[in-house]
Amino acid sequence: MDLVANKTADYMAQEYWDERYSKDSGEFDWFKKYADIKQHLAPLIPSKEARILMLGCGNSTLSRDMYDDGYTNILNIDYSPVCIEKMAAANESRVGMEWKVMDIRNLDLPDDSFDVAIDKGTMDALLAGVKDPWNPPEEITRDCVSEVKEVQRVLRKNSSSIFIYHTFGQPHFRRQILNTDEENWELTVSEIGDWFSYFLYTLRYKK
């Protein structure tokens, strides 16, 4: 199957992902696999028992590999029902791992219920149709900020809870979206990779 959308804006459409997942029975990881970023993720996650929310899981191997590495308390969400059905079936043997259809911009989850939220390229799909990254359309910016605010809502309000965002998006394009509540949340960013750089953003509750 062709993994590339006809238009980058297609990456924002649920219909595109449903069709893609209905035809694609394999696995696909945007950017890096768990083995490539484990050394960066492990120090950020408070414990193997942490309650983890995987935002826009897709058919990535990240959750599977983290589960097999001992992080067994993971809820995976995606707004493609086709994706969730397939991934739940593929990971049936991983007892306790959860899969739910959900929109990252409007999480059907209680406040203060997770220790960690991970976004590996999902926000990038929301931004895929932006022609001028310096001036993204108001609607798209609002969608991205909604994701961040929803994550902040469902994370437990303590210093060990964390939102981890892995992306190729450079800081001068992402800070304006992520750093909307400087009073309560601390944003950090690190550059990882060798010949092609990725960025790891984290948000922690200050109080």
C-alpha atoms as a PDB file:
ATOM      1  CA  MET A   1       0.000   0.000   0.000  1.00  0.00           C
ATOM      2  CA  ASP A   2       1.142   3.554  -0.709  1.00  0.00           C
ATOM      3  CA  LEU A   3       1.867   5.042   2.717  1.00  0.00           C
ATOM      4  CA  VAL A   4       1.918   8.624   1.465  1.00  0.00           C
ATOM      5  CA  ALA A   5      -1.274  10.647   1.238  1.00  0.00           C
ATOM      6  CA  ASN A   6      -2.163  12.330  -2.053  1.00  0.00           C
ATOM      7  CA  LYS A   7      -2.147  15.641  -0.198  1.00  0.00           C
ATOM      8  CA  THR A   8      -0.518  16.292   3.149  1.00  0.00           C
ATOM      9  CA  ALA A   9      -3.859  17.666   4.353  1.00  0.00           C
ATOM     10  CA  ASP A  10      -5.259  14.132   4.025  1.00  0.00           C
ATOM     11  CA  TYR A  11      -3.360  13.210   7.177  1.00  0.00           C
ATOM     12  CA  MET A  12      -5.891  15.281   9.126  1.00  0.00           C
ATOM     13  CA  ALA A  13      -8.882  13.326   7.792  1.00  0.00           C
ATOM     14  CA  GLN A  14     -10.359  10.348   9.631  1.00  0.00           C
ATOM     15  CA  GLU A  15     -11.537   8.900   6.315  1.00  0.00           C
ATOM     16  CA  TYR A  16      -7.954   8.754   5.045  1.00  0.00           C
ATOM     17  CA  TRP A  17      -6.786   6.795   8.094  1.00  0.00           C
ATOM     18  CA  ASP A  18      -9.750   4.402   8.046  1.00  0.00           C
ATOM     19  CA  GLU A  19      -9.050   3.588   4.405  1.00  0.00           C
ATOM     20  CA  ARG A  20      -5.328   3.280   5.027  1.00  0.00           C
ATOM     21  CA  TYR A  21      -5.707   0.938   7.995  1.00  0.00           C
ATOM     22  CA  SER A  22      -8.344  -1.167   6.209  1.00  0.00           C
ATOM     23  CA  LYS A  23      -5.818  -1.906   3.447  1.00  0.00           C
ATOM     24  CA  ASP A  24      -2.644  -2.035   5.505  1.00  0.00           C
ATOM     25  CA  SER A  25      -2.253  -5.128   7.669  1.00  0.00           C
ATOM     26  CA  GLY A  26       1.304  -4.358   8.692  1.00  0.00           C
ATOM     27  CA  GLU A  27       2.969  -2.015  11.152  1.00  0.00           C
ATOM     28  CA  PHE A  28       4.337   1.439  10.536  1.00  0.00           C
ATOM     29  CA  ASP A  29       6.303   3.781  12.773  1.00  0.00           C
ATOM     30  CA  TRP A  30       6.646   7.477  12.062  1.00  0.00           C
ATOM     31  CA  PHE A  31      10.121   8.751  12.864  1.00  0.00           C
ATOM     32  CA  LYS A  32      11.766   6.240  15.216  1.00  0.00           C
ATOM     33  CA  LYS A  33      11.002   2.885  16.809  1.00  0.00           C
ATOM     34  CA  TYR A  34      11.032   2.282  20.565  1.00  0.00           C
ATOM     35  CA  ALA A  35      14.530   0.779  20.480  1.00  0.00           C
ATOM     36  CA  ASP A  36      15.831   4.016  18.953  1.00  0.00           C
ATOM     37  CA  ILE A  37      14.298   6.340  21.569  1.00  0.00           C
ATOM     38  CA  LYS A  38      14.148   4.120  24.663  1.00  0.00           C
ATOM     39  CA  GLN A  39      17.251   5.758  26.139  1.00  0.00           C
ATOM     40  CA  HIS A  40      15.473   9.129  25.952  1.00  0.00           C
ATOM     41  CA  LEU A  41      12.048   7.943  27.138  1.00  0.00           C
ATOM     42  CA  ALA A  42      13.036   5.772  30.097  1.00  0.00           C
ATOM     43  CA  PRO A  43      14.425   8.588  32.302  1.00  0.00           C
ATOM     44  CA  LEU A  44      11.225  10.614  31.767  1.00  0.00           C
ATOM     45  CA  ILE A  45       8.711   7.948  32.807  1.00  0.00           C
ATOM     46  CA  PRO A  46       8.324   7.770  36.617  1.00  0.00           C
ATOM     47  CA  SER A  47       8.035   3.968  36.837  1.00  0.00           C
ATOM     48  CA  LYS A  48       7.112   0.805  34.945  1.00  0.00           C
ATOM     49  CA  GLU A  49       3.752   0.951  36.774  1.00  0.00           C
ATOM     50  CA  ALA A  50       2.919   4.422  35.425  1.00  0.00           C
ATOM     51  CA  ARG A  51      -0.493   4.850  33.815  1.00  0.00           C
ATOM     52  CA  ILE A  52       0.341   5.769  30.198  1.00  0.00           C
ATOM     53  CA  LEU A  53      -1.868   7.375  27.547  1.00  0.00           C
ATOM     54  CA  MET A  54      -0.732   6.794  23.957  1.00  0.00           C
ATOM     55  CA  LEU A  55      -2.152   9.575  21.792  1.00  0.00           C
ATOM     56  CA  GLY A  56      -2.959   8.613  18.200  1.00  0.00           C
ATOM     57  CA  CYS A  57      -1.411   5.164  18.475  1.00  0.00           C
ATOM     58  CA  GLY A  58      -1.940   4.193  14.830  1.00  0.00           C
ATOM     59  CA  ASN A  59      -0.342   0.887  13.882  1.00  0.00           C
ATOM     60  CA  SER A  60       2.947   1.801  15.537  1.00  0.00           C
ATOM     61  CA  THR A  61       4.916  -0.819  17.449  1.00  0.00           C
ATOM     62  CA  LEU A  62       5.683   1.668  20.232  1.00  0.00           C
ATOM     63  CA  SER A  63       3.000   0.474  22.675  1.00  0.00           C
ATOM     64  CA  ARG A  64       3.707  -3.175  21.975  1.00  0.00           C
ATOM     65  CA  ASP A  65       7.427  -2.752  22.541  1.00  0.00           C
ATOM     66  CA  MET A  66       6.920  -0.683  25.689  1.00  0.00           C
ATOM     67  CA  TYR A  67       4.503  -3.295  27.052  1.00  0.00           C
ATOM     68  CA  ASP A  68       7.037  -6.052  26.393  1.00  0.00           C
ATOM     69  CA  ASP A  69       9.622  -3.918  28.199  1.00  0.00           C
ATOM     70  CA  GLY A  70       7.456  -3.829  31.331  1.00  0.00           C
ATOM     71  CA  TYR A  71       5.173  -0.803  30.835  1.00  0.00           C
ATOM     72  CA  THR A  72       1.932  -2.781  30.957  1.00  0.00           C
ATOM     73  CA  ASN A  73      -0.537  -0.072  32.046  1.00  0.00           C
ATOM     74  CA  ILE A  74      -1.155   1.570  28.665  1.00  0.00           C
ATOM     75  CA  LEU A  75      -4.322   3.000  27.106  1.00  0.00           C
ATOM     76  CA  ASN A  76      -3.994   3.435  23.346  1.00  0.00           C
ATOM     77  CA  ILE A  77      -6.351   5.808  21.566  1.00  0.00           C
ATOM     78  CA  ASP A  78      -6.909   6.663  17.921  1.00  0.00           C
ATOM     79  CA  TYR A  79      -9.847   8.208  16.113  1.00  0.00           C
ATOM     80  CA  SER A  80      -9.855   5.496  13.455  1.00  0.00           C
ATOM     81  CA  PRO A  81     -12.161   2.622  14.525  1.00  0.00           C
ATOM     82  CA  VAL A  82     -10.512   0.430  11.895  1.00  0.00           C
ATOM     83  CA  CYS A  83      -7.103   1.006  13.481  1.00  0.00           C
ATOM     84  CA  ILE A  84      -8.286   0.319  17.025  1.00  0.00           C
ATOM     85  CA  GLU A  85     -10.081  -2.890  16.045  1.00  0.00           C
ATOM     86  CA  LYS A  86      -7.021  -4.218  14.240  1.00  0.00           C
ATOM     87  CA  MET A  87      -4.543  -3.243  16.918  1.00  0.00           C
ATOM     88  CA  ALA A  88      -6.687  -4.678  19.722  1.00  0.00           C
ATOM     89  CA  ALA A  89      -6.849  -7.992  17.862  1.00  0.00           C
ATOM     90  CA  ALA A  90      -3.112  -7.991  17.113  1.00  0.00           C
ATOM     91  CA  ASN A  91      -2.275  -7.378  20.782  1.00  0.00           C
ATOM     92  CA  GLU A  92      -4.901  -9.630  22.362  1.00  0.00           C
ATOM     93  CA  SER A  93      -2.223 -11.591  24.210  1.00  0.00           C
ATOM     94  CA  ARG A  94      -0.969  -8.467  25.985  1.00  0.00           C
ATOM     95  CA  VAL A  95      -3.301  -8.654  28.960  1.00  0.00           C
ATOM     96  CA  GLY A  96      -4.370  -5.314  30.390  1.00  0.00           C
ATOM     97  CA  MET A  97      -3.382  -3.201  27.392  1.00  0.00           C
ATOM     98  CA  GLU A  98      -6.399  -1.105  26.369  1.00  0.00           C
ATOM     99  CA  TRP A  99      -7.558   0.224  22.996  1.00  0.00           C
ATOM    100  CA  LYS A 100     -10.256   2.875  22.551  1.00  0.00           C
ATOM    101  CA  VAL A 101     -11.583   5.036  19.731  1.00  0.00           C
ATOM    102  CA  MET A 102     -11.112   8.629  20.839  1.00  0.00           C
ATOM    103  CA  ASP A 103     -10.301  12.108  19.542  1.00  0.00           C
ATOM    104  CA  ILE A 104      -7.162  13.616  21.071  1.00  0.00           C
ATOM    105  CA  ARG A 105      -8.824  17.045  20.964  1.00  0.00           C
ATOM    106  CA  ASN A 106     -11.696  15.903  23.159  1.00  0.00           C
ATOM    107  CA  LEU A 107     -10.631  13.089  25.475  1.00  0.00           C
ATOM    108  CA  ASP A 108     -13.425  11.056  27.019  1.00  0.00           C
ATOM    109  CA  LEU A 109     -11.348  10.493  30.145  1.00  0.00           C
ATOM    110  CA  PRO A 110     -11.531  11.729  33.746  1.00  0.00           C
ATOM    111  CA  ASP A 111      -9.345  14.495  35.131  1.00  0.00           C
ATOM    112  CA  ASP A 112      -6.078  13.602  36.838  1.00  0.00           C
ATOM    113  CA  SER A 113      -6.078   9.974  35.708  1.00  0.00           C
ATOM    114  CA  PHE A 114      -2.719   9.452  33.941  1.00  0.00           C
ATOM    115  CA  ASP A 115       0.950   9.736  34.832  1.00  0.00           C
ATOM    116  CA  VAL A 116       2.305   9.929  31.287  1.00  0.00           C
ATOM    117  CA  ALA A 117       0.951  10.958  27.892  1.00  0.00           C
ATOM    118  CA  ILE A 118       2.955  10.239  24.743  1.00  0.00           C
ATOM    119  CA  ASP A 119       2.504  11.771  21.287  1.00  0.00           C
ATOM    120  CA  LYS A 120       4.870  10.409  18.629  1.00  0.00           C
ATOM    121  CA  GLY A 121       4.001  12.323  15.492  1.00  0.00           C
ATOM    122  CA  THR A 122       0.252  12.615  16.079  1.00  0.00           C
ATOM    123  CA  MET A 123       0.180  16.392  16.395  1.00  0.00           C
ATOM    124  CA  ASP A 124       2.244  16.495  13.212  1.00  0.00           C
ATOM    125  CA  ALA A 125      -0.696  14.937  11.378  1.00  0.00           C
ATOM    126  CA  LEU A 126      -2.893  17.809  12.557  1.00  0.00           C
ATOM    127  CA  LEU A 127      -0.325  20.243  11.169  1.00  0.00           C
ATOM    128  CA  ALA A 128       0.310  18.373   7.928  1.00  0.00           C
ATOM    129  CA  GLY A 129      -1.772  20.680   5.743  1.00  0.00           C
ATOM    130  CA  VAL A 130      -0.128  23.891   6.947  1.00  0.00           C
ATOM    131  CA  LYS A 131       1.534  25.713   4.046  1.00  0.00           C
ATOM    132  CA  ASP A 132       3.137  28.461   6.135  1.00  0.00           C
ATOM    133  CA  PRO A 133       4.459  27.028   9.429  1.00  0.00           C
ATOM    134  CA  TRP A 134       5.104  30.541  10.714  1.00  0.00           C
ATOM    135  CA  ASN A 135       1.404  31.347  10.410  1.00  0.00           C
ATOM    136  CA  PRO A 136      -0.730  28.198  10.778  1.00  0.00           C
ATOM    137  CA  PRO A 137      -4.480  28.636  10.268  1.00  0.00           C
ATOM    138  CA  GLU A 138      -6.384  29.499  13.426  1.00  0.00           C
ATOM    139  CA  GLU A 139      -8.467  26.305  13.248  1.00  0.00           C
ATOM    140  CA  ILE A 140      -5.414  24.049  13.102  1.00  0.00           C
ATOM    141  CA  THR A 141      -3.678  25.919  15.905  1.00  0.00           C
ATOM    142  CA  ARG A 142      -6.845  25.568  17.966  1.00  0.00           C
ATOM    143  CA  ASP A 143      -6.935  21.812  17.326  1.00  0.00           C
ATOM    144  CA  CYS A 144      -3.326  21.412  18.489  1.00  0.00           C
ATOM    145  CA  VAL A 145      -3.832  23.566  21.559  1.00  0.00           C
ATOM    146  CA  SER A 146      -6.965  21.541  22.362  1.00  0.00           C
ATOM    147  CA  GLU A 147      -4.853  18.379  22.401  1.00  0.00           C
ATOM    148  CA  VAL A 148      -2.356  19.967  24.783  1.00  0.00           C
ATOM    149  CA  LYS A 149      -5.054  21.288  27.115  1.00  0.00           C
ATOM    150  CA  GLU A 150      -6.835  17.931  27.183  1.00  0.00           C
ATOM    151  CA  VAL A 151      -3.581  16.173  28.026  1.00  0.00           C
ATOM    152  CA  GLN A 152      -2.916  18.659  30.807  1.00  0.00           C
ATOM    153  CA  ARG A 153      -6.411  18.004  32.133  1.00  0.00           C
ATOM    154  CA  VAL A 154      -6.060  14.216  32.308  1.00  0.00           C
ATOM    155  CA  LEU A 155      -2.515  14.174  33.718  1.00  0.00           C
ATOM    156  CA  ARG A 156      -2.181  13.959  37.466  1.00  0.00           C
ATOM    157  CA  LYS A 157      -1.097  17.285  38.929  1.00  0.00           C
ATOM    158  CA  ASN A 158       2.292  16.399  40.338  1.00  0.00           C
ATOM    159  CA  SER A 159       5.871  16.945  39.247  1.00  0.00           C
ATOM    160  CA  SER A 160       6.402  13.354  38.085  1.00  0.00           C
ATOM    161  CA  SER A 161       3.526  13.404  35.575  1.00  0.00           C
ATOM    162  CA  ILE A 162       4.657  14.275  32.076  1.00  0.00           C
ATOM    163  CA  PHE A 163       3.529  14.917  28.501  1.00  0.00           C
ATOM    164  CA  ILE A 164       6.130  13.625  26.019  1.00  0.00           C
ATOM    165  CA  TYR A 165       5.952  14.771  22.396  1.00  0.00           C
ATOM    166  CA  HIS A 166       8.348  13.314  19.808  1.00  0.00           C
ATOM    167  CA  THR A 167       8.429  15.153  16.474  1.00  0.00           C
ATOM    168  CA  PHE A 168      10.526  16.602  13.684  1.00  0.00           C
ATOM    169  CA  GLY A 169       8.860  19.979  14.362  1.00  0.00           C
ATOM    170  CA  GLN A 170      11.429  22.614  15.273  1.00  0.00           C
ATOM    171  CA  PRO A 171      11.050  24.666  18.477  1.00  0.00           C
ATOM    172  CA  HIS A 172      10.239  27.969  16.775  1.00  0.00           C
ATOM    173  CA  PHE A 173       7.165  26.260  15.264  1.00  0.00           C
ATOM    174  CA  ARG A 174       6.065  24.181  18.253  1.00  0.00           C
ATOM    175  CA  ARG A 175       6.699  26.368  21.305  1.00  0.00           C
ATOM    176  CA  GLN A 176       3.752  28.630  20.519  1.00  0.00           C
ATOM    177  CA  ILE A 177       1.426  25.620  20.656  1.00  0.00           C
ATOM    178  CA  LEU A 178       2.897  23.803  23.637  1.00  0.00           C
ATOM    179  CA  ASN A 179       3.809  26.710  25.886  1.00  0.00           C
ATOM    180  CA  THR A 180       0.313  28.105  26.475  1.00  0.00           C
ATOM    181  CA  ASP A 181       0.314  27.817  30.289  1.00  0.00           C
ATOM    182  CA  GLU A 182       3.753  28.840  31.501  1.00  0.00           C
ATOM    183  CA  GLU A 183       2.453  29.571  34.989  1.00  0.00           C
ATOM    184  CA  ASN A 184       1.552  25.941  35.710  1.00  0.00           C
ATOM    185  CA  TRP A 185       3.530  23.864  33.196  1.00  0.00           C
ATOM    186  CA  GLU A 186       7.227  23.781  32.389  1.00  0.00           C
ATOM    187  CA  LEU A 187       8.250  23.137  28.783  1.00  0.00           C
ATOM    188  CA  THR A 188      11.624  21.637  27.878  1.00  0.00           C
ATOM    189  CA  VAL A 189      12.985  20.533  24.527  1.00  0.00           C
ATOM    190  CA  SER A 190      15.947  18.404  23.507  1.00  0.00           C
ATOM    191  CA  GLU A 191      17.316  17.556  20.088  1.00  0.00           C
ATOM    192  CA  ILE A 192      17.990  13.901  19.329  1.00  0.00           C
ATOM    193  CA  GLY A 193      19.265  12.019  16.313  1.00  0.00           C
ATOM    194  CA  ASP A 194      22.384  12.004  14.209  1.00  0.00           C
ATOM    195  CA  TRP A 195      22.260  13.120  10.580  1.00  0.00           C
ATOM    196  CA  PHE A 196      18.539  13.997  10.832  1.00  0.00           C
ATOM    197  CA  SER A 197      17.352  15.668  14.001  1.00  0.00           C
ATOM    198  CA  TYR A 198      14.163  14.993  15.918  1.00  0.00           C
ATOM    199  CA  PHE A 199      12.920  16.896  18.916  1.00  0.00           C
ATOM    200  CA  LEU A 200      11.639  15.646  22.235  1.00  0.00           C
ATOM    201  CA  TYR A 201       9.366  18.105  24.021  1.00  0.00           C
ATOM    202  CA  THR A 202       8.190  17.578  27.574  1.00  0.00           C
ATOM    203  CA  LEU A 203       5.588  19.344  29.694  1.00  0.00           C
ATOM    204  CA  ARG A 204       5.642  18.920  33.475  1.00  0.00           C
ATOM    205  CA  TYR A 205       3.313  20.345  36.089  1.00  0.00           C
ATOM    206  CA  LYS A 206       5.175  22.896  38.231  1.00  0.00           C
ATOM    207  CA  LYS A 207       3.196  22.882  41.463  1.00  0.00           C
END
